[in-house]
Amino acid sequence: MTTPSTPWSAGSAPCRIDWRPSRWPPAILILLGVLAPVAVLASEMPRPAAWLLAAAAGLQGLHSAMREWRRVPRSLLFTADGGLLVDEVDVTGVQLHWRGPLAFLSWRDAAGRRRRLAWWPDTLPPRWRRELRLAVDRLPAARAGPSVAP
C-alpha cells in the first residue's frame, strides 16, 4: 500500500504580512522641518519674505512628520487564489518596487484611489522580505493598457 506524498512547497498557501509605520520617516521630516527654515534664512531673499517662507517651511515639515507619525498599522493577506486583501478589503493593480533596502507597495482600492506603503529596514525583517517578494510574484500581472497602436 502506498501513501500519497505531500508536496514539498506550499506555493499556494496564503501569506499574511503586517505593515507598521517606521520611526525613520518622522525623524527625517522633523530634521528637514528644522533645517529648511535655516536654509531659507541663510539665502539672499529679502528678510520679510525669508521669515514668512522659513515659518511656512518649518510648519510644513512638522505637519508632515505628525501625519507620518499617526499612520495606522495595516494587515496584508495574499490569498491562495492570487489576490491581495488590505485590511480585509480586496484591492487591484498591485505593484512592488525595491529601492535598495526599501520596499514600496502600491495598489488601487475599491474607489480607484492609489494607495502606498513603504517598508523601511527597521520594519521588514529578512524573512518577511522574502515572503513579500514571493507573495507579490504570485499575483496576476497588472495590465498596463494596449501594447500596440489602435
Protein backbone atom coordinates (compact mmCIF):
# COMPACT_ATOMS: atom_id res chain seq x y z
CA MET A 1 0.00 0.00 0.00
CA THR A 2 1.38 3.38 -0.99
CA THR A 3 0.53 6.66 0.62
CA PRO A 4 0.19 9.81 -1.42
CA SER A 5 3.14 12.11 -0.98
CA THR A 6 2.67 15.66 0.17
CA PRO A 7 4.15 18.47 -1.89
CA TRP A 8 7.39 19.96 -0.63
CA SER A 9 6.34 23.57 -1.13
CA ALA A 10 3.15 25.32 -0.21
CA GLY A 11 3.21 27.64 -3.24
CA SER A 12 -0.48 28.38 -3.00
CA ALA A 13 -0.66 28.90 0.75
CA PRO A 14 -1.96 32.28 1.89
CA CYS A 15 0.58 34.73 3.28
CA ARG A 16 -0.10 37.41 5.89
CA ILE A 17 2.30 40.31 6.29
CA ASP A 18 1.70 43.06 8.80
CA TRP A 19 2.84 46.58 7.96
CA ARG A 20 3.69 49.06 10.67
CA PRO A 21 5.00 52.58 10.27
CA SER A 22 8.71 53.12 10.67
CA ARG A 23 10.20 55.63 13.09
CA TRP A 24 12.69 56.85 10.49
CA PRO A 25 10.45 58.99 8.20
CA PRO A 26 9.03 61.17 11.01
CA ALA A 27 12.54 61.70 12.38
CA ILE A 28 13.83 62.69 8.93
CA LEU A 29 10.86 65.02 8.37
CA ILE A 30 11.46 66.72 11.72
CA LEU A 31 15.11 67.21 10.79
CA LEU A 32 14.07 68.70 7.43
CA GLY A 33 11.50 70.87 9.22
CA VAL A 34 14.31 72.34 11.30
CA LEU A 35 16.89 72.68 8.52
CA ALA A 36 14.58 74.17 5.87
CA PRO A 37 13.99 77.44 7.76
CA VAL A 38 17.73 77.72 8.41
CA ALA A 39 18.43 77.30 4.69
CA VAL A 40 15.81 79.90 3.76
CA LEU A 41 17.16 82.42 6.27
CA ALA A 42 20.72 81.81 5.01
CA SER A 43 19.67 82.68 1.46
CA GLU A 44 19.73 86.18 -0.03
CA MET A 45 15.96 86.57 -0.04
CA PRO A 46 14.53 89.82 1.27
CA ARG A 47 14.18 89.43 5.06
CA PRO A 48 10.37 89.75 5.36
CA ALA A 49 9.79 87.12 2.65
CA ALA A 50 12.52 84.88 4.10
CA TRP A 51 10.92 84.91 7.57
CA LEU A 52 7.50 84.06 6.13
CA LEU A 53 8.88 81.26 3.96
CA ALA A 54 11.01 79.93 6.84
CA ALA A 55 7.96 79.77 9.11
CA ALA A 56 5.90 78.05 6.41
CA ALA A 57 8.68 75.53 5.70
CA GLY A 58 9.08 74.71 9.40
CA LEU A 59 5.34 74.28 9.93
CA GLN A 60 5.01 72.11 6.82
CA GLY A 61 7.88 69.89 7.97
CA LEU A 62 6.31 69.41 11.40
CA HIS A 63 2.87 68.81 9.88
CA SER A 64 4.29 66.15 7.55
CA ALA A 65 6.12 64.47 10.43
CA MET A 66 2.96 64.36 12.56
CA ARG A 67 0.91 62.96 9.66
CA GLU A 68 3.52 60.24 9.11
CA TRP A 69 3.69 59.50 12.86
CA ARG A 70 -0.09 58.92 13.02
CA ARG A 71 -0.24 56.30 10.25
CA VAL A 72 -2.02 53.17 11.41
CA PRO A 73 -0.66 49.63 11.02
CA ARG A 74 -2.10 47.59 8.15
CA SER A 75 -2.60 43.90 7.55
CA LEU A 76 -1.93 42.41 4.10
CA LEU A 77 -3.25 38.98 3.18
CA PHE A 78 -2.02 37.43 -0.06
CA THR A 79 -4.68 34.82 -0.78
CA ALA A 80 -4.14 31.38 -2.28
CA ASP A 81 -6.06 32.36 -5.44
CA GLY A 82 -3.62 35.19 -6.25
CA GLY A 83 -5.43 38.14 -4.69
CA LEU A 84 -4.48 40.72 -2.11
CA LEU A 85 -6.60 41.90 0.81
CA VAL A 86 -5.50 45.03 2.63
CA ASP A 87 -7.29 45.29 5.98
CA GLU A 88 -9.76 42.65 4.74
CA VAL A 89 -10.63 44.69 1.58
CA ASP A 90 -9.86 43.29 -1.89
CA VAL A 91 -7.51 45.51 -3.94
CA THR A 92 -6.29 45.59 -7.55
CA GLY A 93 -3.33 46.93 -9.54
CA VAL A 94 -0.70 45.76 -7.06
CA GLN A 95 2.90 46.79 -7.76
CA LEU A 96 6.02 46.23 -5.67
CA HIS A 97 9.19 48.26 -6.18
CA TRP A 98 12.52 47.82 -4.41
CA ARG A 99 15.00 50.63 -3.85
CA GLY A 100 17.89 49.00 -2.03
CA PRO A 101 16.62 48.02 1.43
CA LEU A 102 13.32 49.90 0.95
CA ALA A 103 10.18 48.21 -0.39
CA PHE A 104 7.28 50.21 -1.86
CA LEU A 105 3.91 48.54 -2.41
CA SER A 106 1.13 50.36 -4.28
CA TRP A 107 -2.40 49.32 -5.20
CA ARG A 108 -5.82 50.67 -6.15
CA ASP A 109 -8.60 50.49 -3.57
CA ALA A 110 -12.31 49.90 -4.25
CA ALA A 111 -12.81 53.61 -5.06
CA GLY A 112 -9.95 53.54 -7.60
CA ARG A 113 -7.57 55.64 -5.48
CA ARG A 114 -3.88 54.77 -5.49
CA ARG A 115 -2.58 53.74 -2.04
CA ARG A 116 1.01 53.13 -0.98
CA LEU A 117 3.00 51.54 1.80
CA ALA A 118 6.74 51.70 2.35
CA TRP A 119 8.79 49.26 4.38
CA TRP A 120 11.97 50.64 5.88
CA PRO A 121 14.77 48.34 7.09
CA ASP A 122 13.56 48.59 10.69
CA THR A 123 10.08 47.26 9.80
CA LEU A 124 10.81 44.47 7.30
CA PRO A 125 12.92 41.58 8.64
CA PRO A 126 14.71 39.39 6.07
CA ARG A 127 12.17 36.55 6.45
CA TRP A 128 9.26 38.91 5.66
CA ARG A 129 11.26 40.46 2.82
CA ARG A 130 11.49 37.04 1.17
CA GLU A 131 7.80 36.32 1.89
CA LEU A 132 6.79 39.65 0.34
CA ARG A 133 8.79 39.01 -2.84
CA LEU A 134 7.30 35.54 -3.25
CA ALA A 135 3.74 36.65 -2.47
CA VAL A 136 3.77 39.54 -4.96
CA ASP A 137 5.25 37.29 -7.65
CA ARG A 138 2.14 35.08 -7.38
CA LEU A 139 -0.23 37.98 -8.05
CA PRO A 140 -1.58 38.37 -11.60
CA ALA A 141 0.29 40.99 -13.58
CA ALA A 142 -1.44 44.34 -13.78
CA ARG A 143 -2.46 45.34 -17.29
CA ALA A 144 -0.70 48.46 -18.47
CA GLY A 145 -3.04 49.03 -21.42
CA PRO A 146 -2.81 48.05 -25.05
CA SER A 147 0.67 47.17 -26.27
CA VAL A 148 0.06 48.20 -29.90
CA ALA A 149 -1.41 51.28 -31.52
CA PRO A 150 -5.15 51.10 -32.29
